[in-house]
């Protein structure tokens, strides 16, 4: 079995961190919505997780820790989802989308 380079190890660690932070943020949103969370489809949740991960990638780490995901309203989540779907359709870049999402997160925190 070939050795894994330090660079590959670093990429894998970064990806795990991205997924962890996106999942933690998603869980805070889910808990704050309670039964209202049921309106979102599995695909919506996947897109939301992905765009939150991209927002984490392009965010200042200290700022990320200050975001109050539990304070997001349905309108905020719908706006974030629209951004995420735009990325899925290749209408905007991940970087531009992350900037828009972090703007929403900054506003509610």
N, C-alpha and C. Protein backbone atom coordinates (compact mmCIF):
# COMPACT_ATOMS: atom_id res chain seq x y z
N UNK A 1 0.85 -1.18 0.00
CA UNK A 1 0.00 0.00 0.00
C UNK A 1 0.89 1.24 0.00
N UNK A 2 0.62 2.18 -0.89
CA UNK A 2 1.48 3.37 -0.99
C UNK A 2 1.30 4.28 0.23
N UNK A 3 2.39 4.97 0.54
CA UNK A 3 2.34 5.94 1.62
C UNK A 3 1.47 7.13 1.21
N UNK A 4 0.82 7.72 2.19
CA UNK A 4 0.02 8.92 1.94
C UNK A 4 0.91 10.12 2.24
N UNK A 5 0.96 11.04 1.30
CA UNK A 5 1.82 12.21 1.46
C UNK A 5 1.24 13.15 2.53
N UNK A 6 2.10 13.97 3.07
CA UNK A 6 1.64 14.97 4.04
C UNK A 6 0.62 15.90 3.41
N UNK A 7 0.80 16.20 2.14
CA UNK A 7 -0.14 17.07 1.44
C UNK A 7 -1.52 16.43 1.36
N UNK A 8 -1.56 15.15 1.02
CA UNK A 8 -2.84 14.43 0.94
C UNK A 8 -3.47 14.31 2.33
N UNK A 9 -2.66 14.05 3.32
CA UNK A 9 -3.15 13.98 4.70
C UNK A 9 -3.77 15.33 5.10
N UNK A 10 -3.12 16.41 4.71
CA UNK A 10 -3.64 17.75 5.01
C UNK A 10 -4.96 18.02 4.31
N UNK A 11 -5.05 17.60 3.04
CA UNK A 11 -6.31 17.77 2.30
C UNK A 11 -7.44 17.00 2.95
N UNK A 12 -7.16 15.78 3.36
CA UNK A 12 -8.19 14.96 4.01
C UNK A 12 -8.62 15.57 5.34
N UNK A 13 -7.66 16.05 6.11
CA UNK A 13 -7.99 16.68 7.39
C UNK A 13 -8.86 17.92 7.17
N UNK A 14 -8.49 18.74 6.19
CA UNK A 14 -9.25 19.95 5.89
C UNK A 14 -10.69 19.58 5.49
N UNK A 15 -10.85 18.57 4.66
CA UNK A 15 -12.18 18.14 4.22
C UNK A 15 -13.00 17.66 5.42
N UNK A 16 -12.39 16.92 6.32
CA UNK A 16 -13.10 16.47 7.52
C UNK A 16 -13.52 17.64 8.40
N UNK A 17 -12.66 18.64 8.52
CA UNK A 17 -13.00 19.82 9.30
C UNK A 17 -14.17 20.58 8.67
N UNK A 18 -14.13 20.70 7.35
CA UNK A 18 -15.21 21.36 6.62
C UNK A 18 -16.53 20.65 6.87
N UNK A 19 -16.54 19.34 6.72
CA UNK A 19 -17.75 18.55 6.93
C UNK A 19 -18.24 18.64 8.38
N UNK A 20 -17.32 18.61 9.32
CA UNK A 20 -17.68 18.69 10.74
C UNK A 20 -18.35 20.02 11.06
N UNK A 21 -17.77 21.10 10.61
CA UNK A 21 -18.32 22.43 10.92
C UNK A 21 -19.66 22.65 10.22
N UNK A 22 -19.78 22.17 8.99
CA UNK A 22 -21.05 22.29 8.28
C UNK A 22 -22.14 21.48 8.98
N UNK A 23 -21.80 20.29 9.42
CA UNK A 23 -22.77 19.43 10.11
C UNK A 23 -23.18 20.03 11.46
N UNK A 24 -22.23 20.59 12.18
CA UNK A 24 -22.56 21.24 13.46
C UNK A 24 -23.50 22.43 13.24
N UNK A 25 -23.23 23.23 12.23
CA UNK A 25 -24.08 24.38 11.92
C UNK A 25 -25.47 23.90 11.52
N UNK A 26 -25.54 22.89 10.68
CA UNK A 26 -26.81 22.34 10.24
C UNK A 26 -27.62 21.82 11.42
N UNK A 27 -26.97 21.17 12.35
CA UNK A 27 -27.65 20.64 13.53
C UNK A 27 -28.24 21.77 14.39
N UNK A 28 -27.54 22.87 14.51
CA UNK A 28 -28.07 24.01 15.27
C UNK A 28 -29.31 24.58 14.59
N UNK A 29 -29.27 24.67 13.28
CA UNK A 29 -30.43 25.16 12.53
C UNK A 29 -31.60 24.19 12.72
N UNK A 30 -31.32 22.90 12.56
CA UNK A 30 -32.36 21.88 12.68
C UNK A 30 -33.04 21.94 14.04
N UNK A 31 -32.25 22.03 15.09
CA UNK A 31 -32.80 22.09 16.45
C UNK A 31 -33.66 23.33 16.65
N UNK A 32 -33.22 24.45 16.10
CA UNK A 32 -33.97 25.69 16.30
C UNK A 32 -35.30 25.67 15.54
N UNK A 33 -35.38 24.89 14.46
CA UNK A 33 -36.61 24.81 13.67
C UNK A 33 -37.61 23.83 14.25
N UNK A 34 -37.15 22.88 15.04
CA UNK A 34 -38.07 21.89 15.60
C UNK A 34 -38.83 21.16 14.51
N UNK A 35 -40.15 21.06 14.67
CA UNK A 35 -40.98 20.37 13.68
C UNK A 35 -41.00 21.08 12.34
N UNK A 36 -40.69 22.37 12.32
CA UNK A 36 -40.64 23.12 11.07
C UNK A 36 -39.57 22.63 10.12
N UNK A 37 -38.63 21.85 10.65
CA UNK A 37 -37.54 21.32 9.84
C UNK A 37 -38.07 20.34 8.79
N UNK A 38 -39.22 19.75 9.05
CA UNK A 38 -39.78 18.71 8.16
C UNK A 38 -40.15 19.24 6.78
N UNK A 39 -40.21 20.55 6.61
CA UNK A 39 -40.57 21.12 5.30
C UNK A 39 -39.42 20.99 4.30
N UNK A 40 -38.22 20.76 4.78
CA UNK A 40 -37.07 20.67 3.89
C UNK A 40 -36.88 19.23 3.40
N UNK A 41 -36.63 19.11 2.12
CA UNK A 41 -36.40 17.79 1.53
C UNK A 41 -34.97 17.33 1.84
N UNK A 42 -34.73 16.05 1.61
CA UNK A 42 -33.39 15.51 1.79
C UNK A 42 -32.40 16.24 0.89
N UNK A 43 -32.81 16.55 -0.32
CA UNK A 43 -31.93 17.27 -1.25
C UNK A 43 -31.68 18.69 -0.76
N UNK A 44 -32.71 19.36 -0.21
CA UNK A 44 -32.51 20.68 0.38
C UNK A 44 -31.46 20.62 1.48
N UNK A 45 -31.54 19.61 2.31
CA UNK A 45 -30.60 19.46 3.43
C UNK A 45 -29.20 19.22 2.92
N UNK A 46 -29.07 18.42 1.88
CA UNK A 46 -27.74 18.18 1.27
C UNK A 46 -27.15 19.47 0.71
N UNK A 47 -27.99 20.25 0.03
CA UNK A 47 -27.52 21.52 -0.54
C UNK A 47 -27.16 22.49 0.57
N UNK A 48 -27.96 22.53 1.62
CA UNK A 48 -27.69 23.41 2.76
C UNK A 48 -26.37 23.03 3.43
N UNK A 49 -26.15 21.73 3.62
CA UNK A 49 -24.90 21.26 4.22
C UNK A 49 -23.71 21.66 3.34
N UNK A 50 -23.86 21.49 2.04
CA UNK A 50 -22.76 21.82 1.12
C UNK A 50 -22.45 23.31 1.14
N UNK A 51 -23.47 24.15 1.10
CA UNK A 51 -23.21 25.60 1.06
C UNK A 51 -22.68 26.09 2.40
N UNK A 52 -23.11 25.49 3.49
CA UNK A 52 -22.53 25.86 4.79
C UNK A 52 -21.06 25.45 4.85
N UNK A 53 -20.73 24.32 4.25
CA UNK A 53 -19.33 23.90 4.18
C UNK A 53 -18.49 24.89 3.38
N UNK A 54 -19.04 25.34 2.26
CA UNK A 54 -18.31 26.34 1.46
C UNK A 54 -18.18 27.66 2.22
N UNK A 55 -19.21 28.03 2.94
CA UNK A 55 -19.13 29.25 3.75
C UNK A 55 -18.03 29.11 4.80
N UNK A 56 -17.90 27.93 5.39
CA UNK A 56 -16.84 27.71 6.38
C UNK A 56 -15.47 27.85 5.72
N UNK A 57 -15.33 27.29 4.52
CA UNK A 57 -14.04 27.35 3.81
C UNK A 57 -13.58 28.79 3.63
N UNK A 58 -14.50 29.66 3.22
CA UNK A 58 -14.13 31.03 2.88
C UNK A 58 -14.30 32.02 4.03
N UNK A 59 -14.71 31.53 5.21
CA UNK A 59 -14.93 32.40 6.37
C UNK A 59 -13.68 32.53 7.23
N UNK A 60 -13.60 33.65 7.88
CA UNK A 60 -12.63 33.81 8.94
C UNK A 60 -13.06 32.88 10.08
N UNK A 61 -12.14 32.10 10.60
CA UNK A 61 -12.49 31.10 11.62
C UNK A 61 -13.08 31.73 12.88
N UNK A 62 -12.55 32.87 13.29
CA UNK A 62 -13.08 33.55 14.48
C UNK A 62 -14.50 34.04 14.21
N UNK A 63 -14.76 34.55 13.02
CA UNK A 63 -16.11 35.00 12.66
C UNK A 63 -17.06 33.82 12.65
N UNK A 64 -16.63 32.69 12.09
CA UNK A 64 -17.48 31.50 12.03
C UNK A 64 -17.98 31.11 13.43
N UNK A 65 -17.09 31.20 14.40
CA UNK A 65 -17.46 30.82 15.77
C UNK A 65 -18.49 31.77 16.38
N UNK A 66 -18.62 32.97 15.83
CA UNK A 66 -19.59 33.93 16.38
C UNK A 66 -20.96 33.84 15.72
N UNK A 67 -21.07 33.12 14.61
CA UNK A 67 -22.35 33.04 13.91
C UNK A 67 -23.37 32.27 14.75
N UNK A 68 -24.57 32.80 14.81
CA UNK A 68 -25.64 32.19 15.58
C UNK A 68 -26.60 31.49 14.62
N UNK A 69 -26.28 30.24 14.30
CA UNK A 69 -27.07 29.48 13.35
C UNK A 69 -28.49 29.25 13.85
N UNK A 70 -28.66 29.20 15.15
CA UNK A 70 -29.99 28.98 15.73
C UNK A 70 -30.90 30.18 15.53
N UNK A 71 -30.35 31.32 15.20
CA UNK A 71 -31.17 32.54 14.99
C UNK A 71 -31.63 32.70 13.55
N UNK A 72 -31.23 31.80 12.67
CA UNK A 72 -31.66 31.89 11.29
C UNK A 72 -33.17 31.66 11.20
N UNK A 73 -33.84 32.52 10.45
CA UNK A 73 -35.27 32.37 10.24
C UNK A 73 -35.52 31.49 9.02
N UNK A 74 -36.75 31.17 8.80
CA UNK A 74 -37.12 30.39 7.60
C UNK A 74 -36.71 31.16 6.35
N UNK A 75 -36.91 32.47 6.36
CA UNK A 75 -36.54 33.30 5.21
C UNK A 75 -35.03 33.27 4.99
N UNK A 76 -34.26 33.30 6.08
CA UNK A 76 -32.80 33.23 5.96
C UNK A 76 -32.38 31.90 5.35
N UNK A 77 -32.95 30.81 5.86
CA UNK A 77 -32.59 29.49 5.35
C UNK A 77 -33.02 29.35 3.89
N UNK A 78 -34.19 29.87 3.55
CA UNK A 78 -34.62 29.83 2.15
C UNK A 78 -33.65 30.61 1.26
N UNK A 79 -33.17 31.75 1.74
CA UNK A 79 -32.20 32.55 0.97
C UNK A 79 -30.89 31.77 0.81
N UNK A 80 -30.44 31.13 1.87
CA UNK A 80 -29.21 30.33 1.80
C UNK A 80 -29.40 29.17 0.84
N UNK A 81 -30.56 28.55 0.89
CA UNK A 81 -30.85 27.45 -0.04
C UNK A 81 -30.85 27.93 -1.49
N UNK A 82 -31.43 29.09 -1.74
CA UNK A 82 -31.43 29.62 -3.11
C UNK A 82 -29.99 29.81 -3.60
N UNK A 83 -29.15 30.30 -2.72
CA UNK A 83 -27.73 30.48 -3.07
C UNK A 83 -27.10 29.12 -3.34
N UNK A 84 -27.37 28.16 -2.47
CA UNK A 84 -26.82 26.81 -2.65
C UNK A 84 -27.27 26.16 -3.94
N UNK A 85 -28.55 26.31 -4.27
CA UNK A 85 -29.05 25.76 -5.52
C UNK A 85 -28.41 26.46 -6.72
N UNK A 86 -28.13 27.75 -6.60
CA UNK A 86 -27.45 28.48 -7.68
C UNK A 86 -26.06 27.92 -7.92
N UNK A 87 -25.39 27.54 -6.85
CA UNK A 87 -24.07 26.92 -6.99
C UNK A 87 -24.22 25.56 -7.68
N UNK A 88 -25.21 24.78 -7.26
CA UNK A 88 -25.44 23.47 -7.86
C UNK A 88 -25.68 23.57 -9.37
N UNK A 89 -26.39 24.63 -9.77
CA UNK A 89 -26.68 24.84 -11.20
C UNK A 89 -25.54 25.56 -11.91
N UNK A 90 -24.45 25.82 -11.20
CA UNK A 90 -23.26 26.49 -11.76
C UNK A 90 -23.56 27.91 -12.21
N UNK A 91 -24.53 28.57 -11.56
CA UNK A 91 -24.87 29.95 -11.89
C UNK A 91 -23.95 30.94 -11.18
N UNK A 92 -23.44 30.55 -10.02
CA UNK A 92 -22.47 31.38 -9.30
C UNK A 92 -21.37 30.48 -8.74
N UNK A 93 -20.24 31.07 -8.44
CA UNK A 93 -19.11 30.31 -7.91
C UNK A 93 -19.29 30.03 -6.42
N UNK A 94 -18.58 29.05 -5.94
CA UNK A 94 -18.62 28.74 -4.51
C UNK A 94 -18.15 29.93 -3.69
N UNK A 95 -17.14 30.63 -4.19
CA UNK A 95 -16.60 31.78 -3.46
C UNK A 95 -17.63 32.89 -3.34
N UNK A 96 -18.29 33.23 -4.45
CA UNK A 96 -19.32 34.27 -4.41
C UNK A 96 -20.49 33.84 -3.52
N UNK A 97 -20.86 32.58 -3.61
CA UNK A 97 -21.95 32.06 -2.79
C UNK A 97 -21.59 32.14 -1.31
N UNK A 98 -20.37 31.75 -0.99
CA UNK A 98 -19.93 31.79 0.41
C UNK A 98 -19.97 33.22 0.95
N UNK A 99 -19.59 34.18 0.12
CA UNK A 99 -19.63 35.59 0.52
C UNK A 99 -21.07 36.00 0.84
N UNK A 100 -22.01 35.59 0.01
CA UNK A 100 -23.42 35.93 0.24
C UNK A 100 -23.94 35.26 1.52
N UNK A 101 -23.60 33.99 1.70
CA UNK A 101 -24.06 33.26 2.88
C UNK A 101 -23.48 33.86 4.15
N UNK A 102 -22.19 34.17 4.13
CA UNK A 102 -21.59 34.76 5.34
C UNK A 102 -22.18 36.13 5.63
N UNK A 103 -22.63 36.84 4.60
CA UNK A 103 -23.33 38.10 4.82
C UNK A 103 -24.62 37.88 5.60
N UNK A 104 -25.36 36.84 5.24
CA UNK A 104 -26.58 36.51 5.96
C UNK A 104 -26.25 36.11 7.39
N UNK A 105 -25.25 35.26 7.55
CA UNK A 105 -24.87 34.79 8.89
C UNK A 105 -24.40 35.94 9.76
N UNK A 106 -23.66 36.84 9.18
CA UNK A 106 -23.17 38.01 9.94
C UNK A 106 -24.34 38.88 10.39
N UNK A 107 -25.32 39.05 9.51
CA UNK A 107 -26.46 39.90 9.80
C UNK A 107 -27.29 39.35 10.97
N UNK A 108 -27.45 38.04 11.06
CA UNK A 108 -28.31 37.48 12.12
C UNK A 108 -27.57 37.22 13.42
N UNK A 109 -26.27 37.35 13.41
CA UNK A 109 -25.49 37.03 14.62
C UNK A 109 -25.24 38.26 15.47
